[in-house]
Amino acid sequence: MGVQRKIRPTGMNQKELVDLLYMILYSIQGICAKLDDDGGVPLTTYEANCFTAIFNCAITTSTGDFISNQVSTKSRYFTNVAPYGIKDSALVEILYDILDSLETLTEQLDTDTLTGSNFEALCYTALISHKVMNQRGNTLGVGSYTFNPNGVMNQRQLIDFLYEILNCLETLTEKLDLDGTVTDTNYEALWYTATCTILVENSKGSVLGN
């Protein structure tokens, strides 16, 4: 068995960061595609609205895995990320898109006719406590600390934010598994446990990931 990779407040390398970003995007896309195919979920536009219309980046991991989606709008900044180098401006764009995707996804779940109608409140608003400003000056999120394309990244804040994103994914997939309208009950197993395979320890010592 290999050594479990772990991101800590005291240390994180670029390779682990890029690999984790890939895992997050891959998980979001998988959740959306699964919702579109789920017989109990009325809407079939989750991947189109919450992934394809939002992410504008390409990520290559340290093992050669690749995910890419491009929004064909000149006002959007396309970001290409490799395992051994990521600029603050590129990172901010991806973080902004992740928040945009998670907010859009949870809002759409609330408007769909599922058993639960508080996905945004429980899986996004209650768990995200950072804000991100992208290169166009748009801001998403909640909290006193804002990531922006011109500032030096605070590593502790960044790791706490990555922890929050994993918490959002885990809570969302657990809630989908328990929803009485959703047919499938393996969202967490397939699109959190099996895909988010780097541990993240926040500044309070709590750990998420697998």
Protein backbone atom coordinates (compact mmCIF):
# COMPACT_ATOMS: atom_id res chain seq x y z
CA MET A 1 0.00 0.00 0.00
CA GLY A 2 1.32 3.44 -0.92
CA VAL A 3 1.71 6.34 1.48
CA GLN A 4 -1.49 8.36 1.83
CA ARG A 5 -0.91 11.88 0.58
CA LYS A 6 -1.91 14.66 2.94
CA ILE A 7 -2.11 18.43 2.66
CA ARG A 8 -1.41 20.19 5.96
CA PRO A 9 -1.41 23.84 7.09
CA THR A 10 2.36 23.54 7.52
CA GLY A 11 3.08 22.20 4.07
CA MET A 12 1.70 21.63 0.60
CA ASN A 13 3.48 21.17 -2.69
CA GLN A 14 2.28 22.21 -6.14
CA LYS A 15 1.81 18.63 -7.29
CA GLU A 16 -0.63 17.82 -4.48
CA LEU A 17 -2.52 21.08 -5.03
CA VAL A 18 -2.99 20.47 -8.75
CA ASP A 19 -3.95 16.83 -8.19
CA LEU A 20 -6.56 17.88 -5.62
CA LEU A 21 -8.02 20.51 -7.95
CA TYR A 22 -8.38 17.81 -10.60
CA MET A 23 -10.13 15.52 -8.12
CA ILE A 24 -12.58 18.28 -7.19
CA LEU A 25 -13.48 19.06 -10.81
CA TYR A 26 -13.69 15.38 -11.70
CA SER A 27 -16.03 14.80 -8.75
CA ILE A 28 -18.28 17.74 -9.64
CA GLN A 29 -18.56 16.56 -13.24
CA GLY A 30 -19.33 13.03 -12.06
CA ILE A 31 -22.03 14.19 -9.65
CA CYS A 32 -23.67 16.29 -12.37
CA ALA A 33 -23.58 13.51 -14.97
CA LYS A 34 -24.99 11.05 -12.45
CA LEU A 35 -27.84 13.45 -11.58
CA ASP A 36 -28.67 13.78 -15.28
CA ASP A 37 -28.90 9.98 -15.56
CA ASP A 38 -30.73 9.43 -12.25
CA GLY A 39 -34.30 8.28 -12.87
CA GLY A 40 -35.59 10.00 -9.74
CA VAL A 41 -34.19 13.44 -10.61
CA PRO A 42 -36.51 15.41 -12.94
CA LEU A 43 -34.00 17.89 -14.42
CA THR A 44 -31.37 16.62 -16.86
CA THR A 45 -29.31 19.80 -17.24
CA TYR A 46 -26.91 19.50 -14.30
CA GLU A 47 -23.74 18.84 -16.28
CA ALA A 48 -24.65 21.47 -18.88
CA ASN A 49 -25.48 24.20 -16.34
CA CYS A 50 -23.15 23.40 -13.45
CA PHE A 51 -20.01 22.13 -15.22
CA THR A 52 -19.89 22.79 -18.96
CA ALA A 53 -21.14 26.38 -18.75
CA ILE A 54 -18.79 27.31 -15.90
CA PHE A 55 -15.35 25.72 -15.93
CA ASN A 56 -12.82 27.30 -18.26
CA CYS A 57 -9.63 25.38 -17.61
CA ALA A 58 -7.50 22.34 -18.31
CA ILE A 59 -5.75 20.42 -15.53
CA THR A 60 -3.09 17.73 -15.95
CA THR A 61 -2.21 15.73 -12.83
CA SER A 62 1.13 14.31 -11.70
CA THR A 63 0.05 10.90 -13.06
CA GLY A 64 -1.09 12.24 -16.44
CA ASP A 65 -4.83 12.33 -15.81
CA PHE A 66 -6.44 15.20 -17.70
CA ILE A 67 -9.67 17.16 -17.48
CA SER A 68 -10.62 20.09 -19.69
CA ASN A 69 -13.59 22.30 -20.39
CA GLN A 70 -13.61 25.57 -22.32
CA VAL A 71 -16.26 28.27 -22.28
CA SER A 72 -16.23 29.96 -25.67
CA THR A 73 -16.54 33.55 -24.45
CA LYS A 74 -13.81 36.15 -24.95
CA SER A 75 -14.51 37.68 -21.54
CA ARG A 76 -13.46 34.44 -19.80
CA TYR A 77 -9.86 33.56 -18.91
CA PHE A 78 -8.85 30.04 -19.94
CA THR A 79 -6.48 28.47 -17.42
CA ASN A 80 -4.08 25.63 -18.24
CA VAL A 81 -2.56 24.01 -15.15
CA ALA A 82 0.22 21.41 -14.89
CA PRO A 83 1.52 19.64 -11.75
CA TYR A 84 4.69 21.65 -11.26
CA GLY A 85 3.51 25.21 -11.65
CA ILE A 86 0.37 27.22 -10.99
CA LYS A 87 0.23 31.01 -10.75
CA ASP A 88 -1.92 32.74 -8.16
CA SER A 89 -4.05 34.28 -10.93
CA ALA A 90 -4.72 30.85 -12.47
CA LEU A 91 -5.49 29.32 -9.09
CA VAL A 92 -7.95 32.09 -8.29
CA GLU A 93 -9.80 31.51 -11.58
CA ILE A 94 -10.20 27.80 -10.82
CA LEU A 95 -11.27 28.45 -7.22
CA TYR A 96 -13.83 30.98 -8.44
CA ASP A 97 -15.21 28.49 -10.97
CA ILE A 98 -15.44 25.81 -8.27
CA LEU A 99 -17.51 28.12 -6.08
CA ASP A 100 -19.65 29.14 -9.05
CA SER A 101 -20.25 25.50 -9.89
CA LEU A 102 -21.10 24.43 -6.34
CA GLU A 103 -23.45 27.37 -5.81
CA THR A 104 -25.17 26.80 -9.16
CA LEU A 105 -25.47 23.07 -8.51
CA THR A 106 -26.98 23.45 -5.05
CA GLU A 107 -29.35 26.18 -6.26
CA GLN A 108 -30.56 23.96 -9.10
CA LEU A 109 -31.10 21.07 -6.71
CA ASP A 110 -33.25 23.36 -4.56
CA THR A 111 -35.43 24.30 -7.54
CA ASP A 112 -35.75 20.68 -8.70
CA THR A 113 -38.63 18.70 -7.20
CA LEU A 114 -36.56 16.56 -4.83
CA THR A 115 -37.44 15.65 -1.26
CA GLY A 116 -34.91 18.15 0.07
CA SER A 117 -34.94 21.82 -0.87
CA ASN A 118 -32.13 23.15 1.31
CA PHE A 119 -29.04 21.97 -0.57
CA GLU A 120 -27.61 25.46 -0.96
CA ALA A 121 -28.17 26.36 2.69
CA LEU A 122 -26.64 23.17 4.10
CA CYS A 123 -23.99 22.22 1.54
CA TYR A 124 -22.75 25.63 0.38
CA THR A 125 -23.74 28.62 2.53
CA ALA A 126 -23.14 26.87 5.86
CA LEU A 127 -19.77 25.41 4.87
CA ILE A 128 -17.98 28.01 2.74
CA SER A 129 -16.34 30.82 4.73
CA HIS A 130 -14.00 32.35 2.13
CA LYS A 131 -14.54 34.63 -0.84
CA VAL A 132 -12.86 34.57 -4.27
CA MET A 133 -12.49 37.52 -6.64
CA ASN A 134 -11.68 36.55 -10.22
CA GLN A 135 -9.78 38.57 -12.84
CA ARG A 136 -13.00 40.27 -13.98
CA GLY A 137 -13.65 41.64 -10.50
CA ASN A 138 -16.54 39.29 -9.72
CA THR A 139 -16.74 37.89 -6.18
CA LEU A 140 -18.33 34.71 -4.84
CA GLY A 141 -18.43 33.13 -1.40
CA VAL A 142 -18.91 34.26 2.16
CA GLY A 143 -16.31 35.34 4.71
CA SER A 144 -13.78 37.97 5.67
CA TYR A 145 -10.81 36.58 3.70
CA THR A 146 -10.84 37.11 -0.07
CA PHE A 147 -8.55 35.37 -2.56
CA ASN A 148 -7.75 37.69 -5.46
CA PRO A 149 -5.54 37.40 -8.58
CA ASN A 150 -3.10 40.11 -7.47
CA GLY A 151 -2.30 39.01 -3.93
CA VAL A 152 0.13 36.49 -2.50
CA MET A 153 -1.69 33.38 -1.35
CA ASN A 154 -1.96 32.80 2.39
CA GLN A 155 -1.26 29.08 2.65
CA ARG A 156 -3.26 28.51 5.82
CA GLN A 157 -6.30 30.26 4.37
CA LEU A 158 -5.95 28.32 1.12
CA ILE A 159 -5.79 24.95 2.88
CA ASP A 160 -8.76 25.85 5.08
CA PHE A 161 -10.67 26.76 1.91
CA LEU A 162 -9.76 23.47 0.20
CA TYR A 163 -11.03 21.69 3.31
CA GLU A 164 -14.32 23.60 3.03
CA ILE A 165 -14.70 22.55 -0.61
CA LEU A 166 -14.20 18.88 0.32
CA ASN A 167 -16.69 19.32 3.17
CA CYS A 168 -19.18 20.72 0.66
CA LEU A 169 -18.69 17.74 -1.68
CA GLU A 170 -18.98 15.18 1.09
CA THR A 171 -22.08 16.81 2.61
CA LEU A 172 -23.70 17.18 -0.81
CA THR A 173 -23.15 13.56 -1.82
CA GLU A 174 -24.33 12.30 1.57
CA LYS A 175 -27.49 14.40 1.27
CA LEU A 176 -28.17 13.10 -2.24
CA ASP A 177 -27.80 9.51 -1.00
CA LEU A 178 -30.40 10.16 1.71
CA ASP A 179 -32.87 12.11 -0.44
CA GLY A 180 -36.11 10.18 -0.85
CA THR A 181 -36.64 11.29 -4.46
CA VAL A 182 -33.17 10.54 -5.80
CA THR A 183 -32.99 6.95 -7.03
CA ASP A 184 -29.29 6.18 -6.67
CA THR A 185 -27.72 5.90 -3.23
CA ASN A 186 -24.03 5.72 -4.13
CA TYR A 187 -23.19 9.36 -4.89
CA GLU A 188 -20.79 9.58 -1.94
CA ALA A 189 -19.13 6.25 -2.70
CA LEU A 190 -18.54 7.05 -6.38
CA TRP A 191 -17.95 10.81 -6.41
CA TYR A 192 -16.34 11.58 -3.06
CA THR A 193 -14.84 8.51 -1.44
CA ALA A 194 -13.45 7.01 -4.66
CA THR A 195 -12.31 10.29 -6.22
CA CYS A 196 -11.05 12.62 -3.46
CA THR A 197 -8.02 10.56 -2.46
CA ILE A 198 -5.86 13.25 -0.86
CA LEU A 199 -6.35 14.11 2.81
CA VAL A 200 -6.68 17.79 3.76
CA GLU A 201 -6.07 18.91 7.34
CA ASN A 202 -7.34 22.39 8.18
CA SER A 203 -5.88 24.83 10.70
CA LYS A 204 -8.12 23.41 13.45
CA GLY A 205 -6.78 19.88 12.96
CA SER A 206 -9.85 18.43 11.26
CA VAL A 207 -9.21 16.11 8.31
CA LEU A 208 -11.27 15.35 5.19
CA GLY A 209 -10.54 13.29 2.09
CA ASN A 210 -9.76 9.63 1.65
